Amino acid sequence: MKASLYGGISSAITRSLRDYLLPENSGVRKAFQDMEAALRENSLTLEAIRVTQSDRDLFRRLINKATDYVSADYMRHANERRVHLDRSR
């Protein structure tokens, strides 16, 4: 049963084992089903966290690239103004 909690055996085998080992105890069966549902929800939550982190990293890179571009453009214009002022003197 422990292996089934971590995806080590197929769900069909897990169901068969569960039905064989826990045929009469509905409380344990319910607890096991709740545990399986919680594990599925946990897996979905972890995937959502990974997607959110990926999106955050993408936006962070975009902001950094935009900041680098604006800084470089500002310096280019500042240098052009300085050269223009030096020529006009």
C-alpha atoms as a PDB file:
ATOM      1  CA  MET A   1       0.000   0.000   0.000  1.00  0.00           C
ATOM      2  CA  LYS A   2       2.862   2.368   0.741  1.00  0.00           C
ATOM      3  CA  ALA A   3       4.163   1.971  -2.816  1.00  0.00           C
ATOM      4  CA  SER A   4       0.724   2.855  -4.189  1.00  0.00           C
ATOM      5  CA  LEU A   5       0.780   6.161  -2.306  1.00  0.00           C
ATOM      6  CA  TYR A   6       3.914   7.193  -4.143  1.00  0.00           C
ATOM      7  CA  GLY A   7       2.858   5.949  -7.583  1.00  0.00           C
ATOM      8  CA  GLY A   8       4.926   2.757  -7.386  1.00  0.00           C
ATOM      9  CA  ILE A   9       2.183   0.435  -8.611  1.00  0.00           C
ATOM     10  CA  SER A  10      -0.750   0.849 -10.960  1.00  0.00           C
ATOM     11  CA  SER A  11      -4.096   2.134  -9.775  1.00  0.00           C
ATOM     12  CA  ALA A  12      -5.794  -1.135 -10.815  1.00  0.00           C
ATOM     13  CA  ILE A  13      -3.453  -3.161  -8.607  1.00  0.00           C
ATOM     14  CA  THR A  14      -3.892  -0.638  -5.822  1.00  0.00           C
ATOM     15  CA  ARG A  15      -7.685  -0.977  -5.992  1.00  0.00           C
ATOM     16  CA  SER A  16      -7.456  -4.765  -6.039  1.00  0.00           C
ATOM     17  CA  LEU A  17      -5.122  -4.808  -3.048  1.00  0.00           C
ATOM     18  CA  ARG A  18      -7.270  -2.340  -1.168  1.00  0.00           C
ATOM     19  CA  ASP A  19     -10.436  -4.359  -1.865  1.00  0.00           C
ATOM     20  CA  TYR A  20      -8.688  -7.561  -0.811  1.00  0.00           C
ATOM     21  CA  LEU A  21      -7.022  -6.198   2.322  1.00  0.00           C
ATOM     22  CA  LEU A  22      -9.829  -3.914   3.496  1.00  0.00           C
ATOM     23  CA  PRO A  23     -13.081  -5.583   2.434  1.00  0.00           C
ATOM     24  CA  GLU A  24     -15.134  -5.048   5.602  1.00  0.00           C
ATOM     25  CA  ASN A  25     -13.682  -2.005   7.340  1.00  0.00           C
ATOM     26  CA  SER A  26     -15.447   0.994   5.804  1.00  0.00           C
ATOM     27  CA  GLY A  27     -13.708   3.463   8.139  1.00  0.00           C
ATOM     28  CA  VAL A  28     -10.265   2.407   6.975  1.00  0.00           C
ATOM     29  CA  ARG A  29     -11.476   2.300   3.361  1.00  0.00           C
ATOM     30  CA  LYS A  30     -12.800   5.867   3.687  1.00  0.00           C
ATOM     31  CA  ALA A  31      -9.547   7.031   5.260  1.00  0.00           C
ATOM     32  CA  PHE A  32      -7.606   5.434   2.417  1.00  0.00           C
ATOM     33  CA  GLN A  33      -9.829   7.093  -0.195  1.00  0.00           C
ATOM     34  CA  ASP A  34      -9.445  10.438   1.560  1.00  0.00           C
ATOM     35  CA  MET A  35      -5.684   9.954   1.587  1.00  0.00           C
ATOM     36  CA  GLU A  36      -5.669   9.189  -2.138  1.00  0.00           C
ATOM     37  CA  ALA A  37      -7.794  12.270  -2.836  1.00  0.00           C
ATOM     38  CA  ALA A  38      -5.447  14.413  -0.741  1.00  0.00           C
ATOM     39  CA  LEU A  39      -2.435  13.062  -2.638  1.00  0.00           C
ATOM     40  CA  ARG A  40      -4.091  13.883  -5.982  1.00  0.00           C
ATOM     41  CA  GLU A  41      -4.900  17.397  -4.760  1.00  0.00           C
ATOM     42  CA  ASN A  42      -1.345  17.797  -3.492  1.00  0.00           C
ATOM     43  CA  SER A  43      -0.008  16.759  -6.889  1.00  0.00           C
ATOM     44  CA  LEU A  44      -2.224  19.318  -8.630  1.00  0.00           C
ATOM     45  CA  THR A  45      -1.130  22.006  -6.187  1.00  0.00           C
ATOM     46  CA  LEU A  46       2.550  21.220  -6.762  1.00  0.00           C
ATOM     47  CA  GLU A  47       2.046  21.477 -10.524  1.00  0.00           C
ATOM     48  CA  ALA A  48       0.255  24.816 -10.102  1.00  0.00           C
ATOM     49  CA  ILE A  49       3.165  26.060  -7.977  1.00  0.00           C
ATOM     50  CA  ARG A  50       5.649  25.004 -10.681  1.00  0.00           C
ATOM     51  CA  VAL A  51       3.639  26.827 -13.357  1.00  0.00           C
ATOM     52  CA  THR A  52       3.399  29.948 -11.188  1.00  0.00           C
ATOM     53  CA  GLN A  53       7.142  29.887 -10.487  1.00  0.00           C
ATOM     54  CA  SER A  54       7.853  29.490 -14.195  1.00  0.00           C
ATOM     55  CA  ASP A  55       5.597  32.455 -15.016  1.00  0.00           C
ATOM     56  CA  ARG A  56       7.241  34.526 -12.283  1.00  0.00           C
ATOM     57  CA  ASP A  57      10.699  33.705 -13.633  1.00  0.00           C
ATOM     58  CA  LEU A  58       9.604  34.662 -17.152  1.00  0.00           C
ATOM     59  CA  PHE A  59       8.285  38.038 -15.971  1.00  0.00           C
ATOM     60  CA  ARG A  60      11.429  38.617 -13.926  1.00  0.00           C
ATOM     61  CA  ARG A  61      13.581  37.988 -17.024  1.00  0.00           C
ATOM     62  CA  LEU A  62      11.366  40.267 -19.122  1.00  0.00           C
ATOM     63  CA  ILE A  63      11.608  43.067 -16.567  1.00  0.00           C
ATOM     64  CA  ASN A  64      15.386  42.675 -16.323  1.00  0.00           C
ATOM     65  CA  LYS A  65      15.785  42.723 -20.120  1.00  0.00           C
ATOM     66  CA  ALA A  66      13.518  45.763 -20.426  1.00  0.00           C
ATOM     67  CA  THR A  67      15.471  47.550 -17.688  1.00  0.00           C
ATOM     68  CA  ASP A  68      18.770  46.722 -19.419  1.00  0.00           C
ATOM     69  CA  TYR A  69      17.401  47.990 -22.739  1.00  0.00           C
ATOM     70  CA  VAL A  70      16.111  51.257 -21.256  1.00  0.00           C
ATOM     71  CA  SER A  71      19.392  51.826 -19.407  1.00  0.00           C
ATOM     72  CA  ALA A  72      21.458  51.189 -22.536  1.00  0.00           C
ATOM     73  CA  ASP A  73      19.187  53.432 -24.611  1.00  0.00           C
ATOM     74  CA  TYR A  74      19.439  56.199 -22.010  1.00  0.00           C
ATOM     75  CA  MET A  75      23.244  55.967 -21.986  1.00  0.00           C
ATOM     76  CA  ARG A  76      23.367  56.018 -25.785  1.00  0.00           C
ATOM     77  CA  HIS A  77      21.246  59.179 -25.880  1.00  0.00           C
ATOM     78  CA  ALA A  78      23.280  60.764 -23.075  1.00  0.00           C
ATOM     79  CA  ASN A  79      26.501  60.075 -24.999  1.00  0.00           C
ATOM     80  CA  GLU A  80      24.989  61.486 -28.204  1.00  0.00           C
ATOM     81  CA  ARG A  81      23.947  64.664 -26.338  1.00  0.00           C
ATOM     82  CA  ARG A  82      27.425  64.979 -24.834  1.00  0.00           C
ATOM     83  CA  VAL A  83      29.074  64.597 -28.259  1.00  0.00           C
ATOM     84  CA  HIS A  84      26.639  67.118 -29.745  1.00  0.00           C
ATOM     85  CA  LEU A  85      27.374  69.610 -26.939  1.00  0.00           C
ATOM     86  CA  ASP A  86      31.135  69.077 -27.324  1.00  0.00           C
ATOM     87  CA  ARG A  87      30.891  69.821 -31.059  1.00  0.00           C
ATOM     88  CA  SER A  88      28.848  72.949 -30.517  1.00  0.00           C
ATOM     89  CA  ARG A  89      31.466  74.518 -28.218  1.00  0.00           C
END
